[in-house]
Amino acid sequence: MTAHVLQKEYALAKYTDLPLLMRWTEGLVVTLIVMIGWLPAIWFVTFVSRIVGVDLGVGLHALLTVLLLAGAVYGSSRAIHRLWPHEKQD
């Protein structure tokens, strides 16, 4: 996304219900990360475990995959909060 598009979206958000718009955007991003991110996260954990040479087992493999996805969700949430602060600016 270019800076020009982001400026237009921010200008639009100033005249709308910003917290509602932010919640919808955050919910969409989180949903997309979880829906699309499961398989690459599982592949990444498997790839790293094979490089290290450790057999993780099913439980630890699932835990690391969930933690990886949680980190992605948290990071995207923080990015959205930085892009659109909670307070409405006039």
N, C-alpha and C. Protein backbone atom coordinates (compact mmCIF):
# COMPACT_ATOMS: atom_id res chain seq x y z
N MET A 1 0.84 -1.17 0.00
CA MET A 1 0.00 0.00 0.00
C MET A 1 0.89 1.24 0.00
N THR A 2 0.59 2.16 -0.85
CA THR A 2 1.43 3.35 -0.93
C THR A 2 1.03 4.37 0.13
N ALA A 3 1.90 5.30 0.35
CA ALA A 3 1.65 6.35 1.35
C ALA A 3 0.44 7.20 0.94
N HIS A 4 0.27 7.42 -0.36
CA HIS A 4 -0.86 8.23 -0.83
C HIS A 4 -2.19 7.56 -0.49
N VAL A 5 -2.26 6.25 -0.69
CA VAL A 5 -3.49 5.52 -0.36
C VAL A 5 -3.74 5.55 1.14
N LEU A 6 -2.68 5.38 1.93
CA LEU A 6 -2.84 5.42 3.38
C LEU A 6 -3.30 6.79 3.86
N GLN A 7 -2.79 7.86 3.23
CA GLN A 7 -3.23 9.20 3.61
C GLN A 7 -4.71 9.39 3.29
N LYS A 8 -5.15 8.88 2.15
CA LYS A 8 -6.57 9.00 1.79
C LYS A 8 -7.44 8.21 2.77
N GLU A 9 -6.98 7.01 3.14
CA GLU A 9 -7.75 6.21 4.09
C GLU A 9 -7.79 6.88 5.46
N TYR A 10 -6.69 7.47 5.88
CA TYR A 10 -6.67 8.15 7.17
C TYR A 10 -7.58 9.37 7.15
N ALA A 11 -7.56 10.11 6.04
CA ALA A 11 -8.45 11.27 5.92
C ALA A 11 -9.91 10.84 5.97
N LEU A 12 -10.23 9.72 5.34
CA LEU A 12 -11.59 9.20 5.39
C LEU A 12 -11.94 8.76 6.81
N ALA A 13 -10.99 8.14 7.49
CA ALA A 13 -11.24 7.63 8.84
C ALA A 13 -11.48 8.77 9.83
N LYS A 14 -10.91 9.95 9.57
CA LYS A 14 -11.12 11.09 10.47
C LYS A 14 -12.59 11.49 10.52
N TYR A 15 -13.32 11.25 9.44
CA TYR A 15 -14.72 11.67 9.38
C TYR A 15 -15.68 10.51 9.60
N THR A 16 -15.16 9.38 10.00
CA THR A 16 -16.01 8.23 10.28
C THR A 16 -15.82 7.83 11.74
N ASP A 17 -16.49 6.77 12.12
CA ASP A 17 -16.34 6.25 13.48
C ASP A 17 -15.04 5.46 13.53
N LEU A 18 -13.98 6.11 13.94
CA LEU A 18 -12.63 5.53 13.88
C LEU A 18 -12.50 4.25 14.70
N PRO A 19 -12.96 4.19 15.96
CA PRO A 19 -12.79 2.94 16.69
C PRO A 19 -13.52 1.76 16.03
N LEU A 20 -14.70 2.01 15.48
CA LEU A 20 -15.43 0.94 14.80
C LEU A 20 -14.69 0.48 13.56
N LEU A 21 -14.19 1.43 12.78
CA LEU A 21 -13.43 1.11 11.57
C LEU A 21 -12.16 0.34 11.93
N MET A 22 -11.52 0.75 13.00
CA MET A 22 -10.30 0.08 13.42
C MET A 22 -10.59 -1.35 13.88
N ARG A 23 -11.69 -1.54 14.61
CA ARG A 23 -12.05 -2.89 15.07
C ARG A 23 -12.34 -3.80 13.89
N TRP A 24 -13.06 -3.28 12.89
CA TRP A 24 -13.37 -4.08 11.71
C TRP A 24 -12.09 -4.45 10.96
N THR A 25 -11.19 -3.48 10.78
CA THR A 25 -9.94 -3.73 10.07
C THR A 25 -9.09 -4.73 10.84
N GLU A 26 -9.00 -4.52 12.14
CA GLU A 26 -8.21 -5.43 12.97
C GLU A 26 -8.79 -6.84 12.93
N GLY A 27 -10.10 -6.94 13.00
CA GLY A 27 -10.74 -8.25 12.93
C GLY A 27 -10.49 -8.94 11.60
N LEU A 28 -10.53 -8.17 10.52
CA LEU A 28 -10.27 -8.73 9.20
C LEU A 28 -8.84 -9.22 9.08
N VAL A 29 -7.90 -8.41 9.55
CA VAL A 29 -6.48 -8.80 9.48
C VAL A 29 -6.23 -10.05 10.31
N VAL A 30 -6.76 -10.08 11.52
CA VAL A 30 -6.58 -11.25 12.39
C VAL A 30 -7.18 -12.49 11.75
N THR A 31 -8.37 -12.37 11.18
CA THR A 31 -9.02 -13.51 10.53
C THR A 31 -8.19 -14.01 9.36
N LEU A 32 -7.69 -13.09 8.54
CA LEU A 32 -6.88 -13.49 7.40
C LEU A 32 -5.57 -14.15 7.83
N ILE A 33 -4.93 -13.61 8.84
CA ILE A 33 -3.68 -14.21 9.31
C ILE A 33 -3.92 -15.62 9.82
N VAL A 34 -4.97 -15.81 10.58
CA VAL A 34 -5.24 -17.14 11.13
C VAL A 34 -5.66 -18.10 10.04
N MET A 35 -6.52 -17.65 9.11
CA MET A 35 -7.00 -18.55 8.05
C MET A 35 -5.88 -18.91 7.08
N ILE A 36 -5.09 -17.93 6.67
CA ILE A 36 -4.06 -18.16 5.67
C ILE A 36 -2.76 -18.63 6.33
N GLY A 37 -2.56 -18.28 7.57
CA GLY A 37 -1.27 -18.50 8.21
C GLY A 37 -1.02 -19.87 8.79
N TRP A 38 -2.05 -20.72 8.93
CA TRP A 38 -1.84 -22.02 9.58
C TRP A 38 -0.81 -22.86 8.85
N LEU A 39 -1.00 -23.06 7.56
CA LEU A 39 -0.12 -23.96 6.82
C LEU A 39 1.32 -23.45 6.76
N PRO A 40 1.57 -22.18 6.39
CA PRO A 40 2.97 -21.71 6.41
C PRO A 40 3.59 -21.77 7.81
N ALA A 41 2.80 -21.53 8.84
CA ALA A 41 3.34 -21.61 10.20
C ALA A 41 3.75 -23.04 10.53
N ILE A 42 2.92 -24.00 10.15
CA ILE A 42 3.26 -25.41 10.39
C ILE A 42 4.51 -25.79 9.60
N TRP A 43 4.58 -25.35 8.33
CA TRP A 43 5.75 -25.65 7.51
C TRP A 43 7.00 -25.02 8.10
N PHE A 44 6.88 -23.78 8.59
CA PHE A 44 8.05 -23.10 9.15
C PHE A 44 8.56 -23.82 10.39
N VAL A 45 7.66 -24.19 11.27
CA VAL A 45 8.07 -24.90 12.49
C VAL A 45 8.70 -26.24 12.13
N THR A 46 8.12 -26.95 11.16
CA THR A 46 8.68 -28.23 10.73
C THR A 46 10.07 -28.03 10.12
N PHE A 47 10.22 -27.02 9.28
CA PHE A 47 11.49 -26.73 8.62
C PHE A 47 12.58 -26.42 9.65
N VAL A 48 12.27 -25.57 10.61
CA VAL A 48 13.26 -25.20 11.63
C VAL A 48 13.61 -26.40 12.51
N SER A 49 12.61 -27.21 12.85
CA SER A 49 12.89 -28.38 13.69
C SER A 49 13.78 -29.39 12.96
N ARG A 50 13.60 -29.51 11.64
CA ARG A 50 14.47 -30.42 10.87
C ARG A 50 15.88 -29.88 10.74
N ILE A 51 16.02 -28.56 10.61
CA ILE A 51 17.36 -27.96 10.54
C ILE A 51 18.09 -28.17 11.86
N VAL A 52 17.38 -27.93 12.96
CA VAL A 52 17.99 -28.09 14.28
C VAL A 52 18.23 -29.56 14.58
N GLY A 53 17.40 -30.43 14.00
CA GLY A 53 17.57 -31.86 14.21
C GLY A 53 16.88 -32.38 15.45
N VAL A 54 15.81 -31.70 15.85
CA VAL A 54 15.09 -32.09 17.06
C VAL A 54 13.69 -32.57 16.66
N ASP A 55 13.27 -33.71 17.18
CA ASP A 55 11.90 -34.18 16.96
C ASP A 55 11.02 -33.53 18.03
N LEU A 56 10.14 -32.66 17.61
CA LEU A 56 9.35 -31.87 18.56
C LEU A 56 8.19 -32.64 19.15
N GLY A 57 7.67 -33.59 18.45
CA GLY A 57 6.44 -34.24 18.89
C GLY A 57 5.26 -33.39 18.49
N VAL A 58 4.08 -33.97 18.56
CA VAL A 58 2.88 -33.29 18.08
C VAL A 58 2.51 -32.10 18.97
N GLY A 59 2.57 -32.27 20.28
CA GLY A 59 2.15 -31.22 21.21
C GLY A 59 3.01 -29.98 21.12
N LEU A 60 4.33 -30.16 21.14
CA LEU A 60 5.23 -29.01 21.08
C LEU A 60 5.18 -28.36 19.71
N HIS A 61 5.02 -29.17 18.67
CA HIS A 61 4.89 -28.64 17.31
C HIS A 61 3.65 -27.75 17.22
N ALA A 62 2.53 -28.21 17.75
CA ALA A 62 1.29 -27.43 17.73
C ALA A 62 1.43 -26.15 18.56
N LEU A 63 2.08 -26.26 19.72
CA LEU A 63 2.27 -25.09 20.58
C LEU A 63 3.12 -24.02 19.89
N LEU A 64 4.20 -24.43 19.25
CA LEU A 64 5.05 -23.46 18.56
C LEU A 64 4.32 -22.83 17.37
N THR A 65 3.49 -23.62 16.69
CA THR A 65 2.71 -23.07 15.57
C THR A 65 1.71 -22.02 16.07
N VAL A 66 1.04 -22.32 17.17
CA VAL A 66 0.07 -21.37 17.74
C VAL A 66 0.79 -20.11 18.23
N LEU A 67 1.96 -20.26 18.84
CA LEU A 67 2.72 -19.10 19.29
C LEU A 67 3.19 -18.24 18.12
N LEU A 68 3.58 -18.88 17.03
CA LEU A 68 3.99 -18.14 15.84
C LEU A 68 2.82 -17.34 15.28
N LEU A 69 1.66 -17.97 15.20
CA LEU A 69 0.47 -17.26 14.71
C LEU A 69 0.05 -16.15 15.67
N ALA A 70 0.16 -16.40 16.97
CA ALA A 70 -0.20 -15.36 17.95
C ALA A 70 0.73 -14.16 17.81
N GLY A 71 2.00 -14.41 17.56
CA GLY A 71 2.94 -13.31 17.34
C GLY A 71 2.59 -12.51 16.10
N ALA A 72 2.17 -13.19 15.04
CA ALA A 72 1.78 -12.50 13.81
C ALA A 72 0.52 -11.65 14.04
N VAL A 73 -0.43 -12.20 14.77
CA VAL A 73 -1.66 -11.47 15.07
C VAL A 73 -1.36 -10.25 15.94
N TYR A 74 -0.51 -10.43 16.96
CA TYR A 74 -0.15 -9.32 17.85
C TYR A 74 0.59 -8.23 17.08
N GLY A 75 1.51 -8.64 16.22
CA GLY A 75 2.27 -7.66 15.44
C GLY A 75 1.39 -6.86 14.51
N SER A 76 0.44 -7.53 13.84
CA SER A 76 -0.45 -6.81 12.94
C SER A 76 -1.39 -5.89 13.72
N SER A 77 -1.81 -6.32 14.89
CA SER A 77 -2.67 -5.49 15.73
C SER A 77 -1.93 -4.23 16.16
N ARG A 78 -0.67 -4.37 16.54
CA ARG A 78 0.13 -3.19 16.94
C ARG A 78 0.32 -2.25 15.76
N ALA A 79 0.52 -2.81 14.57
CA ALA A 79 0.70 -1.97 13.38
C ALA A 79 -0.57 -1.19 13.08
N ILE A 80 -1.72 -1.82 13.23
CA ILE A 80 -2.99 -1.13 12.99
C ILE A 80 -3.19 -0.03 14.02
N HIS A 81 -2.85 -0.30 15.27
CA HIS A 81 -3.00 0.73 16.31
C HIS A 81 -2.07 1.91 16.07
N ARG A 82 -0.89 1.67 15.49
CA ARG A 82 0.01 2.77 15.18
C ARG A 82 -0.51 3.57 13.99
N LEU A 83 -1.12 2.86 13.02
CA LEU A 83 -1.63 3.54 11.84
C LEU A 83 -2.85 4.38 12.18
N TRP A 84 -3.75 3.82 12.98
CA TRP A 84 -4.98 4.52 13.37
C TRP A 84 -5.05 4.58 14.88
N PRO A 85 -4.61 5.69 15.48
CA PRO A 85 -4.69 5.81 16.94
C PRO A 85 -6.14 5.77 17.41
N HIS A 86 -6.33 5.47 18.70
CA HIS A 86 -7.67 5.37 19.26
C HIS A 86 -8.39 6.71 19.28
N GLU A 87 -7.66 7.77 19.57
CA GLU A 87 -8.30 9.07 19.73
C GLU A 87 -8.64 9.66 18.37
N LYS A 88 -9.80 10.26 18.29
CA LYS A 88 -10.18 10.98 17.08
C LYS A 88 -9.46 12.32 17.06
N GLN A 89 -8.80 12.60 15.96
CA GLN A 89 -8.09 13.88 15.83
C GLN A 89 -8.86 14.78 14.90
N ASP A 90 -9.18 15.97 15.36
CA ASP A 90 -9.95 16.91 14.52
C ASP A 90 -9.04 17.80 13.72
